Amino acid sequence: MNSIYIIDACILVAAVYLFVLAIKMKNSGKIHKSVMGEELIKNCIDEKAFINSIYPWMIFFAVASFVAGVVGFILDYLKVGGWANYPTLGVFLVVFVVFIVQYKRAVKKYFKES
């Protein structure tokens, strides 16, 4: 098995995990310890507002990650040159940066400094 398939598989698994985690948090109204350490969760001023703030961005990032993983698998299977995956990876990185910025904004807004 080509090692690049392992990377694509990791991206897919992480995407599905993030998607399920976002839905679980939205339904429970509680921040999962995978998103943030338990000690930091205690500093949250409004958990539901924080979750509502990052939920759409988590879903967006999960979908973008899933698409990047699937496209990576397809391009690797078809033995297309590595250059073909650059646009997908570029979009993935942009979405990742947007997610991180939105996450940090939500943390700044809904958490008291420790």
PDB file of N, CA and C in Angstrom:
ATOM      1  N   MET A   1       0.852  -1.184   0.000  1.00  0.00           N
ATOM      2  CA  MET A   1       0.000   0.000   0.000  1.00  0.00           C
ATOM      3  C   MET A   1       0.895   1.244   0.000  1.00  0.00           C
ATOM      4  N   ASN A   2       0.565   2.147  -0.859  1.00  0.00           N
ATOM      5  CA  ASN A   2       1.304   3.398  -0.972  1.00  0.00           C
ATOM      6  C   ASN A   2       1.066   4.235   0.286  1.00  0.00           C
ATOM      7  N   SER A   3       2.109   4.825   0.831  1.00  0.00           N
ATOM      8  CA  SER A   3       1.979   5.576   2.079  1.00  0.00           C
ATOM      9  C   SER A   3       1.083   6.802   1.944  1.00  0.00           C
ATOM     10  N   ILE A   4       0.933   7.320   0.745  1.00  0.00           N
ATOM     11  CA  ILE A   4       0.076   8.493   0.556  1.00  0.00           C
ATOM     12  C   ILE A   4      -1.393   8.141   0.824  1.00  0.00           C
ATOM     13  N   TYR A   5      -1.772   6.870   0.604  1.00  0.00           N
ATOM     14  CA  TYR A   5      -3.137   6.435   0.921  1.00  0.00           C
ATOM     15  C   TYR A   5      -3.397   6.546   2.424  1.00  0.00           C
ATOM     16  N   ILE A   6      -2.369   6.310   3.214  1.00  0.00           N
ATOM     17  CA  ILE A   6      -2.518   6.405   4.670  1.00  0.00           C
ATOM     18  C   ILE A   6      -2.826   7.843   5.065  1.00  0.00           C
ATOM     19  N   ILE A   7      -2.164   8.793   4.438  1.00  0.00           N
ATOM     20  CA  ILE A   7      -2.426  10.210   4.724  1.00  0.00           C
ATOM     21  C   ILE A   7      -3.854  10.570   4.332  1.00  0.00           C
ATOM     22  N   ASP A   8      -4.272  10.129   3.153  1.00  0.00           N
ATOM     23  CA  ASP A   8      -5.645  10.392   2.714  1.00  0.00           C
ATOM     24  C   ASP A   8      -6.655   9.765   3.669  1.00  0.00           C
ATOM     25  N   ALA A   9      -6.362   8.559   4.129  1.00  0.00           N
ATOM     26  CA  ALA A   9      -7.259   7.876   5.070  1.00  0.00           C
ATOM     27  C   ALA A   9      -7.334   8.640   6.394  1.00  0.00           C
ATOM     28  N   CYS A  10      -6.209   9.142   6.861  1.00  0.00           N
ATOM     29  CA  CYS A  10      -6.195   9.929   8.108  1.00  0.00           C
ATOM     30  C   CYS A  10      -7.030  11.193   7.963  1.00  0.00           C
ATOM     31  N   ILE A  11      -6.916  11.846   6.818  1.00  0.00           N
ATOM     32  CA  ILE A  11      -7.712  13.052   6.568  1.00  0.00           C
ATOM     33  C   ILE A  11      -9.197  12.717   6.576  1.00  0.00           C
ATOM     34  N   LEU A  12      -9.573  11.599   5.942  1.00  0.00           N
ATOM     35  CA  LEU A  12     -10.980  11.191   5.909  1.00  0.00           C
ATOM     36  C   LEU A  12     -11.499  10.857   7.303  1.00  0.00           C
ATOM     37  N   VAL A  13     -10.734  10.104   8.058  1.00  0.00           N
ATOM     38  CA  VAL A  13     -11.159   9.730   9.409  1.00  0.00           C
ATOM     39  C   VAL A  13     -11.298  10.976  10.287  1.00  0.00           C
ATOM     40  N   ALA A  14     -10.352  11.882  10.194  1.00  0.00           N
ATOM     41  CA  ALA A  14     -10.416  13.122  10.973  1.00  0.00           C
ATOM     42  C   ALA A  14     -11.633  13.952  10.574  1.00  0.00           C
ATOM     43  N   ALA A  15     -11.945  13.976   9.286  1.00  0.00           N
ATOM     44  CA  ALA A  15     -13.105  14.738   8.801  1.00  0.00           C
ATOM     45  C   ALA A  15     -14.404  14.166   9.366  1.00  0.00           C
ATOM     46  N   VAL A  16     -14.538  12.858   9.318  1.00  0.00           N
ATOM     47  CA  VAL A  16     -15.752  12.215   9.840  1.00  0.00           C
ATOM     48  C   VAL A  16     -15.847  12.437  11.350  1.00  0.00           C
ATOM     49  N   TYR A  17     -14.723  12.295  12.047  1.00  0.00           N
ATOM     50  CA  TYR A  17     -14.703  12.510  13.500  1.00  0.00           C
ATOM     51  C   TYR A  17     -15.124  13.937  13.843  1.00  0.00           C
ATOM     52  N   LEU A  18     -14.588  14.911  13.137  1.00  0.00           N
ATOM     53  CA  LEU A  18     -14.930  16.311  13.397  1.00  0.00           C
ATOM     54  C   LEU A  18     -16.408  16.575  13.129  1.00  0.00           C
ATOM     55  N   PHE A  19     -16.930  15.989  12.065  1.00  0.00           N
ATOM     56  CA  PHE A  19     -18.349  16.148  11.720  1.00  0.00           C
ATOM     57  C   PHE A  19     -19.240  15.580  12.825  1.00  0.00           C
ATOM     58  N   VAL A  20     -18.950  14.357  13.249  1.00  0.00           N
ATOM     59  CA  VAL A  20     -19.741  13.705  14.302  1.00  0.00           C
ATOM     60  C   VAL A  20     -19.606  14.473  15.618  1.00  0.00           C
ATOM     61  N   LEU A  21     -18.402  14.914  15.924  1.00  0.00           N
ATOM     62  CA  LEU A  21     -18.157  15.673  17.146  1.00  0.00           C
ATOM     63  C   LEU A  21     -18.960  16.978  17.156  1.00  0.00           C
ATOM     64  N   ALA A  22     -18.988  17.669  16.028  1.00  0.00           N
ATOM     65  CA  ALA A  22     -19.750  18.917  15.933  1.00  0.00           C
ATOM     66  C   ALA A  22     -21.235  18.668  16.184  1.00  0.00           C
ATOM     67  N   ILE A  23     -21.759  17.620  15.584  1.00  0.00           N
ATOM     68  CA  ILE A  23     -23.187  17.300  15.764  1.00  0.00           C
ATOM     69  C   ILE A  23     -23.472  16.918  17.212  1.00  0.00           C
ATOM     70  N   LYS A  24     -22.591  16.104  17.819  1.00  0.00           N
ATOM     71  CA  LYS A  24     -22.786  15.718  19.222  1.00  0.00           C
ATOM     72  C   LYS A  24     -22.762  16.933  20.141  1.00  0.00           C
ATOM     73  N   MET A  25     -21.831  17.845  19.899  1.00  0.00           N
ATOM     74  CA  MET A  25     -21.757  19.046  20.730  1.00  0.00           C
ATOM     75  C   MET A  25     -23.005  19.907  20.559  1.00  0.00           C
ATOM     76  N   LYS A  26     -23.457  20.042  19.335  1.00  0.00           N
ATOM     77  CA  LYS A  26     -24.641  20.853  19.059  1.00  0.00           C
ATOM     78  C   LYS A  26     -25.863  20.267  19.779  1.00  0.00           C
ATOM     79  N   ASN A  27     -25.992  18.939  19.736  1.00  0.00           N
ATOM     80  CA  ASN A  27     -27.146  18.278  20.358  1.00  0.00           C
ATOM     81  C   ASN A  27     -27.073  18.280  21.882  1.00  0.00           C
ATOM     82  N   SER A  28     -25.879  18.117  22.434  1.00  0.00           N
ATOM     83  CA  SER A  28     -25.739  18.026  23.895  1.00  0.00           C
ATOM     84  C   SER A  28     -25.606  19.395  24.559  1.00  0.00           C
ATOM     85  N   GLY A  29     -25.103  20.383  23.802  1.00  0.00           N
ATOM     86  CA  GLY A  29     -24.872  21.694  24.383  1.00  0.00           C
ATOM     87  C   GLY A  29     -23.630  21.744  25.255  1.00  0.00           C
ATOM     88  N   LYS A  30     -22.798  20.719  25.171  1.00  0.00           N
ATOM     89  CA  LYS A  30     -21.578  20.639  25.972  1.00  0.00           C
ATOM     90  C   LYS A  30     -20.361  20.573  25.057  1.00  0.00           C
ATOM     91  N   ILE A  31     -19.300  21.263  25.450  1.00  0.00           N
ATOM     92  CA  ILE A  31     -18.056  21.246  24.696  1.00  0.00           C
ATOM     93  C   ILE A  31     -17.346  19.930  24.973  1.00  0.00           C
ATOM     94  N   HIS A  32     -16.949  19.246  23.924  1.00  0.00           N
ATOM     95  CA  HIS A  32     -16.247  17.969  24.082  1.00  0.00           C
ATOM     96  C   HIS A  32     -14.781  18.219  24.396  1.00  0.00           C
ATOM     97  N   LYS A  33     -14.211  17.352  25.221  1.00  0.00           N
ATOM     98  CA  LYS A  33     -12.817  17.543  25.633  1.00  0.00           C
ATOM     99  C   LYS A  33     -11.832  17.389  24.484  1.00  0.00           C
ATOM    100  N   SER A  34     -12.263  16.850  23.346  1.00  0.00           N
ATOM    101  CA  SER A  34     -11.392  16.780  22.170  1.00  0.00           C
ATOM    102  C   SER A  34     -11.204  18.144  21.521  1.00  0.00           C
ATOM    103  N   VAL A  35     -12.164  19.018  21.729  1.00  0.00           N
ATOM    104  CA  VAL A  35     -12.100  20.351  21.147  1.00  0.00           C
ATOM    105  C   VAL A  35     -11.222  21.259  21.993  1.00  0.00           C
ATOM    106  N   MET A  36     -11.237  20.999  23.285  1.00  0.00           N
ATOM    107  CA  MET A  36     -10.516  21.857  24.217  1.00  0.00           C
ATOM    108  C   MET A  36     -10.329  21.069  25.514  1.00  0.00           C
ATOM    109  N   GLY A  37      -9.229  21.279  26.176  1.00  0.00           N
ATOM    110  CA  GLY A  37      -8.960  20.575  27.424  1.00  0.00           C
ATOM    111  C   GLY A  37     -10.009  20.836  28.490  1.00  0.00           C
ATOM    112  N   GLU A  38     -10.181  19.858  29.357  1.00  0.00           N
ATOM    113  CA  GLU A  38     -11.202  19.961  30.400  1.00  0.00           C
ATOM    114  C   GLU A  38     -10.989  21.165  31.311  1.00  0.00           C
ATOM    115  N   GLU A  39      -9.741  21.470  31.603  1.00  0.00           N
ATOM    116  CA  GLU A  39      -9.453  22.626  32.460  1.00  0.00           C
ATOM    117  C   GLU A  39      -9.887  23.934  31.796  1.00  0.00           C
ATOM    118  N   LEU A  40      -9.695  24.015  30.492  1.00  0.00           N
ATOM    119  CA  LEU A  40     -10.093  25.230  29.767  1.00  0.00           C
ATOM    120  C   LEU A  40     -11.611  25.340  29.640  1.00  0.00           C
ATOM    121  N   ILE A  41     -12.278  24.201  29.511  1.00  0.00           N
ATOM    122  CA  ILE A  41     -13.744  24.205  29.382  1.00  0.00           C
ATOM    123  C   ILE A  41     -14.370  24.861  30.610  1.00  0.00           C
ATOM    124  N   LYS A  42     -13.746  24.691  31.757  1.00  0.00           N
ATOM    125  CA  LYS A  42     -14.270  25.278  32.996  1.00  0.00           C
ATOM    126  C   LYS A  42     -14.304  26.805  32.939  1.00  0.00           C
ATOM    127  N   ASN A  43     -13.494  27.392  32.061  1.00  0.00           N
ATOM    128  CA  ASN A  43     -13.442  28.855  31.933  1.00  0.00           C
ATOM    129  C   ASN A  43     -14.463  29.409  30.944  1.00  0.00           C
ATOM    130  N   CYS A  44     -15.298  28.546  30.388  1.00  0.00           N
ATOM    131  CA  CYS A  44     -16.275  28.994  29.389  1.00  0.00           C
ATOM    132  C   CYS A  44     -17.404  29.760  30.068  1.00  0.00           C
ATOM    133  N   ILE A  45     -17.698  30.920  29.533  1.00  0.00           N
ATOM    134  CA  ILE A  45     -18.762  31.768  30.069  1.00  0.00           C
ATOM    135  C   ILE A  45     -20.135  31.263  29.619  1.00  0.00           C
ATOM    136  N   ASP A  46     -20.233  30.841  28.346  1.00  0.00           N
ATOM    137  CA  ASP A  46     -21.501  30.373  27.777  1.00  0.00           C
ATOM    138  C   ASP A  46     -21.212  29.264  26.762  1.00  0.00           C
ATOM    139  N   GLU A  47     -21.331  28.002  27.217  1.00  0.00           N
ATOM    140  CA  GLU A  47     -20.995  26.858  26.357  1.00  0.00           C
ATOM    141  C   GLU A  47     -21.856  26.801  25.105  1.00  0.00           C
ATOM    142  N   LYS A  48     -23.145  26.992  25.265  1.00  0.00           N
ATOM    143  CA  LYS A  48     -24.048  26.888  24.107  1.00  0.00           C
ATOM    144  C   LYS A  48     -23.739  27.963  23.063  1.00  0.00           C
ATOM    145  N   ALA A  49     -23.462  29.162  23.515  1.00  0.00           N
ATOM    146  CA  ALA A  49     -23.132  30.241  22.574  1.00  0.00           C
ATOM    147  C   ALA A  49     -21.815  29.941  21.867  1.00  0.00           C
ATOM    148  N   PHE A  50     -20.845  29.402  22.604  1.00  0.00           N
ATOM    149  CA  PHE A  50     -19.570  29.020  21.990  1.00  0.00           C
ATOM    150  C   PHE A  50     -19.792  27.950  20.925  1.00  0.00           C
ATOM    151  N   ILE A  51     -20.565  26.934  21.263  1.00  0.00           N
ATOM    152  CA  ILE A  51     -20.839  25.857  20.310  1.00  0.00           C
ATOM    153  C   ILE A  51     -21.571  26.399  19.091  1.00  0.00           C
ATOM    154  N   ASN A  52     -22.569  27.241  19.315  1.00  0.00           N
ATOM    155  CA  ASN A  52     -23.299  27.831  18.186  1.00  0.00           C
ATOM    156  C   ASN A  52     -22.380  28.672  17.305  1.00  0.00           C
ATOM    157  N   SER A  53     -21.379  29.270  17.917  1.00  0.00           N
ATOM    158  CA  SER A  53     -20.442  30.102  17.175  1.00  0.00           C
ATOM    159  C   SER A  53     -19.496  29.277  16.305  1.00  0.00           C
ATOM    160  N   ILE A  54     -19.001  28.153  16.821  1.00  0.00           N
ATOM    161  CA  ILE A  54     -18.023  27.369  16.050  1.00  0.00           C
ATOM    162  C   ILE A  54     -18.643  26.229  15.243  1.00  0.00           C
ATOM    163  N   TYR A  55     -19.895  25.871  15.540  1.00  0.00           N
ATOM    164  CA  TYR A  55     -20.532  24.738  14.857  1.00  0.00           C
ATOM    165  C   TYR A  55     -20.486  24.837  13.326  1.00  0.00           C
ATOM    166  N   PRO A  56     -20.938  25.945  12.734  1.00  0.00           N
ATOM    167  CA  PRO A  56     -20.909  25.992  11.265  1.00  0.00           C
ATOM    168  C   PRO A  56     -19.495  25.891  10.704  1.00  0.00           C
ATOM    169  N   TRP A  57     -18.532  26.427  11.426  1.00  0.00           N
ATOM    170  CA  TRP A  57     -17.143  26.371  10.960  1.00  0.00           C
ATOM    171  C   TRP A  57     -16.574  24.960  11.099  1.00  0.00           C
ATOM    172  N   MET A  58     -16.990  24.251  12.145  1.00  0.00           N
ATOM    173  CA  MET A  58     -16.553  22.855  12.289  1.00  0.00           C
ATOM    174  C   MET A  58     -17.111  22.004  11.155  1.00  0.00           C
ATOM    175  N   ILE A  59     -18.384  22.212  10.833  1.00  0.00           N
ATOM    176  CA  ILE A  59     -19.009  21.459   9.739  1.00  0.00           C
ATOM    177  C   ILE A  59     -18.323  21.808   8.417  1.00  0.00           C
ATOM    178  N   PHE A  60     -18.099  23.082   8.183  1.00  0.00           N
ATOM    179  CA  PHE A  60     -17.436  23.549   6.960  1.00  0.00           C
ATOM    180  C   PHE A  60     -16.049  22.925   6.824  1.00  0.00           C
ATOM    181  N   PHE A  61     -15.272  22.938   7.903  1.00  0.00           N
ATOM    182  CA  PHE A  61     -13.932  22.354   7.878  1.00  0.00           C
ATOM    183  C   PHE A  61     -13.994  20.840   7.702  1.00  0.00           C
ATOM    184  N   ALA A  62     -14.964  20.181   8.349  1.00  0.00           N
ATOM    185  CA  ALA A  62     -15.111  18.731   8.204  1.00  0.00           C
ATOM    186  C   ALA A  62     -15.439  18.356   6.755  1.00  0.00           C
ATOM    187  N   VAL A  63     -16.336  19.092   6.137  1.00  0.00           N
ATOM    188  CA  VAL A  63     -16.705  18.815   4.740  1.00  0.00           C
ATOM    189  C   VAL A  63     -15.517  19.068   3.817  1.00  0.00           C
ATOM    190  N   ALA A  64     -14.816  20.174   4.020  1.00  0.00           N
ATOM    191  CA  ALA A  64     -13.636  20.479   3.196  1.00  0.00           C
ATOM    192  C   ALA A  64     -12.564  19.405   3.363  1.00  0.00           C
ATOM    193  N   SER A  65     -12.376  18.929   4.581  1.00  0.00           N
ATOM    194  CA  SER A  65     -11.398  17.877   4.838  1.00  0.00           C
ATOM    195  C   SER A  65     -11.812  16.576   4.157  1.00  0.00           C
ATOM    196  N   PHE A  66     -13.086  16.265   4.235  1.00  0.00           N
ATOM    197  CA  PHE A  66     -13.592  15.048   3.600  1.00  0.00           C
ATOM    198  C   PHE A  66     -13.378  15.108   2.092  1.00  0.00           C
ATOM    199  N   VAL A  67     -13.713  16.241   1.495  1.00  0.00           N
ATOM    200  CA  VAL A  67     -13.519  16.409   0.052  1.00  0.00           C
ATOM    201  C   VAL A  67     -12.036  16.292  -0.308  1.00  0.00           C
ATOM    202  N   ALA A  68     -11.171  16.899   0.482  1.00  0.00           N
ATOM    203  CA  ALA A  68      -9.729  16.817   0.223  1.00  0.00           C
ATOM    204  C   ALA A  68      -9.249  15.370   0.308  1.00  0.00           C
ATOM    205  N   GLY A  69      -9.756  14.625   1.274  1.00  0.00           N
ATOM    206  CA  GLY A  69      -9.377  13.217   1.406  1.00  0.00           C
ATOM    207  C   GLY A  69      -9.858  12.377   0.241  1.00  0.00           C
ATOM    208  N   VAL A  70     -11.102  12.583  -0.173  1.00  0.00           N
ATOM    209  CA  VAL A  70     -11.662  11.819  -1.293  1.00  0.00           C
ATOM    210  C   VAL A  70     -10.922  12.153  -2.592  1.00  0.00           C
ATOM    211  N   VAL A  71     -10.718  13.432  -2.835  1.00  0.00           N
ATOM    212  CA  VAL A  71      -9.991  13.846  -4.045  1.00  0.00           C
ATOM    213  C   VAL A  71      -8.572  13.276  -4.025  1.00  0.00           C
ATOM    214  N   GLY A  72      -7.943  13.298  -2.859  1.00  0.00           N
ATOM    215  CA  GLY A  72      -6.613  12.725  -2.735  1.00  0.00           C
ATOM    216  C   GLY A  72      -6.593  11.241  -3.084  1.00  0.00           C
ATOM    217  N   PHE A  73      -7.563  10.496  -2.567  1.00  0.00           N
ATOM    218  CA  PHE A  73      -7.670   9.071  -2.898  1.00  0.00           C
ATOM    219  C   PHE A  73      -7.835   8.864  -4.396  1.00  0.00           C
ATOM    220  N   ILE A  74      -8.746   9.621  -4.984  1.00  0.00           N
ATOM    221  CA  ILE A  74      -9.025   9.464  -6.421  1.00  0.00           C
ATOM    222  C   ILE A  74      -7.781   9.782  -7.248  1.00  0.00           C
ATOM    223  N   LEU A  75      -7.133  10.880  -6.949  1.00  0.00           N
ATOM    224  CA  LEU A  75      -5.938  11.255  -7.712  1.00  0.00           C
ATOM    225  C   LEU A  75      -4.807  10.244  -7.515  1.00  0.00           C
ATOM    226  N   ASP A  76      -4.664   9.726  -6.303  1.00  0.00           N
ATOM    227  CA  ASP A  76      -3.636   8.720  -6.056  1.00  0.00           C
ATOM    228  C   ASP A  76      -3.957   7.413  -6.783  1.00  0.00           C
ATOM    229  N   TYR A  77      -5.225   7.036  -6.774  1.00  0.00           N
ATOM    230  CA  TYR A  77      -5.645   5.803  -7.448  1.00  0.00           C
ATOM    231  C   TYR A  77      -5.430   5.897  -8.952  1.00  0.00           C
ATOM    232  N   LEU A  78      -5.731   7.070  -9.511  1.00  0.00           N
ATOM    233  CA  LEU A  78      -5.578   7.266 -10.953  1.00  0.00           C
ATOM    234  C   LEU A  78      -4.129   7.541 -11.347  1.00  0.00           C
ATOM    235  N   LYS A  79      -3.253   7.621 -10.349  1.00  0.00           N
ATOM    236  CA  LYS A  79      -1.821   7.876 -10.569  1.00  0.00           C
ATOM    237  C   LYS A  79      -1.573   9.196 -11.296  1.00  0.00           C
ATOM    238  N   VAL A  80      -2.400  10.178 -10.967  1.00  0.00           N
ATOM    239  CA  VAL A  80      -2.223  11.519 -11.521  1.00  0.00           C
ATOM    240  C   VAL A  80      -1.061  12.157 -10.761  1.00  0.00           C
ATOM    241  N   GLY A  81      -0.310  12.993 -11.428  1.00  0.00           N
ATOM    242  CA  GLY A  81       0.852  13.638 -10.798  1.00  0.00           C
ATOM    243  C   GLY A  81       0.481  14.406  -9.550  1.00  0.00           C
ATOM    244  N   GLY A  82       1.437  14.558  -8.648  1.00  0.00           N
ATOM    245  CA  GLY A  82       1.213  15.245  -7.394  1.00  0.00           C
ATOM    246  C   GLY A  82       0.735  16.674  -7.555  1.00  0.00           C
ATOM    247  N   TRP A  83       1.095  17.295  -8.658  1.00  0.00           N
ATOM    248  CA  TRP A  83       0.686  18.684  -8.914  1.00  0.00           C
ATOM    249  C   TRP A  83      -0.826  18.825  -8.975  1.00  0.00           C
ATOM    250  N   ALA A  84      -1.540  17.769  -9.371  1.00  0.00           N
ATOM    251  CA  ALA A  84      -2.998  17.844  -9.533  1.00  0.00           C
ATOM    252  C   ALA A  84      -3.706  18.040  -8.192  1.00  0.00           C
ATOM    253  N   ASN A  85      -3.059  17.625  -7.124  1.00  0.00           N
ATOM    254  CA  ASN A  85      -3.681  17.733  -5.811  1.00  0.00           C
ATOM    255  C   ASN A  85      -3.406  19.083  -5.146  1.00  0.00           C
ATOM    256  N   TYR A  86      -2.526  19.891  -5.706  1.00  0.00           N
ATOM    257  CA  TYR A  86      -2.178  21.184  -5.110  1.00  0.00           C
ATOM    258  C   TYR A  86      -3.371  22.124  -4.954  1.00  0.00           C
ATOM    259  N   PRO A  87      -4.246  22.262  -5.957  1.00  0.00           N
ATOM    260  CA  PRO A  87      -5.406  23.146  -5.751  1.00  0.00           C
ATOM    261  C   PRO A  87      -6.300  22.677  -4.604  1.00  0.00           C
ATOM    262  N   THR A  88      -6.505  21.367  -4.493  1.00  0.00           N
ATOM    263  CA  THR A  88      -7.324  20.832  -3.407  1.00  0.00           C
ATOM    264  C   THR A  88      -6.672  21.115  -2.062  1.00  0.00           C
ATOM    265  N   LEU A  89      -5.373  20.887  -1.974  1.00  0.00           N
ATOM    266  CA  LEU A  89      -4.656  21.156  -0.731  1.00  0.00           C
ATOM    267  C   LEU A  89      -4.644  22.642  -0.406  1.00  0.00           C
ATOM    268  N   GLY A  90      -4.566  23.479  -1.437  1.00  0.00           N
ATOM    269  CA  GLY A  90      -4.618  24.924  -1.223  1.00  0.00           C
ATOM    270  C   GLY A  90      -5.941  25.356  -0.618  1.00  0.00           C
ATOM    271  N   VAL A  91      -7.037  24.849  -1.159  1.00  0.00           N
ATOM    272  CA  VAL A  91      -8.366  25.163  -0.625  1.00  0.00           C
ATOM    273  C   VAL A  91      -8.491  24.627   0.801  1.00  0.00           C
ATOM    274  N   PHE A  92      -8.000  23.411   1.018  1.00  0.00           N
ATOM    275  CA  PHE A  92      -8.025  22.811   2.346  1.00  0.00           C
ATOM    276  C   PHE A  92      -7.297  23.699   3.357  1.00  0.00           C
ATOM    277  N   LEU A  93      -6.127  24.186   3.003  1.00  0.00           N
ATOM    278  CA  LEU A  93      -5.353  25.032   3.912  1.00  0.00           C
ATOM    279  C   LEU A  93      -6.049  26.364   4.189  1.00  0.00           C
ATOM    280  N   VAL A  94      -6.664  26.944   3.166  1.00  0.00           N
ATOM    281  CA  VAL A  94      -7.399  28.202   3.360  1.00  0.00           C
ATOM    282  C   VAL A  94      -8.564  27.975   4.324  1.00  0.00           C
ATOM    283  N   VAL A  95      -9.307  26.888   4.118  1.00  0.00           N
ATOM    284  CA  VAL A  95     -10.438  26.579   5.002  1.00  0.00           C
ATOM    285  C   VAL A  95      -9.934  26.317   6.424  1.00  0.00           C
ATOM    286  N   PHE A  96      -8.792  25.636   6.546  1.00  0.00           N
ATOM    287  CA  PHE A  96      -8.207  25.372   7.851  1.00  0.00           C
ATOM    288  C   PHE A  96      -7.871  26.673   8.570  1.00  0.00           C
ATOM    289  N   VAL A  97      -7.259  27.602   7.878  1.00  0.00           N
ATOM    290  CA  VAL A  97      -6.895  28.886   8.480  1.00  0.00           C
ATOM    291  C   VAL A  97      -8.151  29.651   8.893  1.00  0.00           C
ATOM    292  N   VAL A  98      -9.172  29.655   8.043  1.00  0.00           N
ATOM    293  CA  VAL A  98     -10.431  30.335   8.376  1.00  0.00           C
ATOM    294  C   VAL A  98     -11.043  29.701   9.626  1.00  0.00           C
ATOM    295  N   PHE A  99     -11.029  28.367   9.697  1.00  0.00           N
ATOM    296  CA  PHE A  99     -11.560  27.669  10.868  1.00  0.00           C
ATOM    297  C   PHE A  99     -10.807  28.082  12.134  1.00  0.00           C
ATOM    298  N   ILE A 100      -9.486  28.102  12.072  1.00  0.00           N
ATOM    299  CA  ILE A 100      -8.680  28.457  13.236  1.00  0.00           C
ATOM    300  C   ILE A 100      -8.963  29.898  13.675  1.00  0.00           C
ATOM    301  N   VAL A 101      -9.076  30.814  12.723  1.00  0.00           N
ATOM    302  CA  VAL A 101      -9.367  32.215  13.055  1.00  0.00           C
ATOM    303  C   VAL A 101     -10.725  32.322  13.751  1.00  0.00           C
ATOM    304  N   GLN A 102     -11.741  31.648  13.214  1.00  0.00           N
ATOM    305  CA  GLN A 102     -13.079  31.706  13.807  1.00  0.00           C
ATOM    306  C   GLN A 102     -13.101  31.040  15.189  1.00  0.00           C
ATOM    307  N   TYR A 103     -12.360  29.957  15.323  1.00  0.00           N
ATOM    308  CA  TYR A 103     -12.266  29.262  16.608  1.00  0.00           C
ATOM    309  C   TYR A 103     -11.645  30.188  17.657  1.00  0.00           C
ATOM    310  N   LYS A 104     -10.549  30.839  17.294  1.00  0.00           N
ATOM    311  CA  LYS A 104      -9.874  31.748  18.239  1.00  0.00           C
ATOM    312  C   LYS A 104     -10.764  32.928  18.606  1.00  0.00           C
ATOM    313  N   ARG A 105     -11.519  33.442  17.652  1.00  0.00           N
ATOM    314  CA  ARG A 105     -12.455  34.531  17.950  1.00  0.00           C
ATOM    315  C   ARG A 105     -13.501  34.083  18.964  1.00  0.00           C
ATOM    316  N   ALA A 106     -14.029  32.881  18.768  1.00  0.00           N
ATOM    317  CA  ALA A 106     -15.040  32.358  19.685  1.00  0.00           C
ATOM    318  C   ALA A 106     -14.452  32.135  21.060  1.00  0.00           C
ATOM    319  N   VAL A 107     -13.244  31.633  21.137  1.00  0.00           N
ATOM    320  CA  VAL A 107     -12.589  31.423  22.438  1.00  0.00           C
ATOM    321  C   VAL A 107     -12.411  32.772  23.141  1.00  0.00           C
ATOM    322  N   LYS A 108     -11.960  33.749  22.404  1.00  0.00           N
ATOM    323  CA  LYS A 108     -11.744  35.087  22.980  1.00  0.00           C
ATOM    324  C   LYS A 108     -13.053  35.684  23.510  1.00  0.00           C
ATOM    325  N   LYS A 109     -14.146  35.409  22.804  1.00  0.00           N
ATOM    326  CA  LYS A 109     -15.438  35.984  23.161  1.00  0.00           C
ATOM    327  C   LYS A 109     -16.127  35.245  24.314  1.00  0.00           C
ATOM    328  N   TYR A 110     -16.010  33.916  24.350  1.00  0.00           N
ATOM    329  CA  TYR A 110     -16.812  33.121  25.291  1.00  0.00           C
ATOM    330  C   TYR A 110     -16.029  32.502  26.448  1.00  0.00           C
ATOM    331  N   PHE A 111     -14.752  32.839  26.569  1.00  0.00           N
ATOM    332  CA  PHE A 111     -13.954  32.289  27.656  1.00  0.00           C
ATOM    333  C   PHE A 111     -13.309  33.422  28.440  1.00  0.00           C
ATOM    334  N   LYS A 112     -13.310  33.253  29.754  1.00  0.00           N
ATOM    335  CA  LYS A 112     -12.599  34.220  30.576  1.00  0.00           C
ATOM    336  C   LYS A 112     -11.131  33.804  30.612  1.00  0.00           C
ATOM    337  N   GLU A 113     -10.269  34.780  30.694  1.00  0.00           N
ATOM    338  CA  GLU A 113      -8.840  34.489  30.723  1.00  0.00           C
ATOM    339  C   GLU A 113      -8.472  33.861  32.059  1.00  0.00           C
ATOM    340  N   SER A 114      -7.598  32.871  31.979  1.00  0.00           N
ATOM    341  CA  SER A 114      -7.205  32.186  33.226  1.00  0.00           C
ATOM    342  C   SER A 114      -5.901  32.684  33.757  1.00  0.00           C
TER     343      SER A 114
END
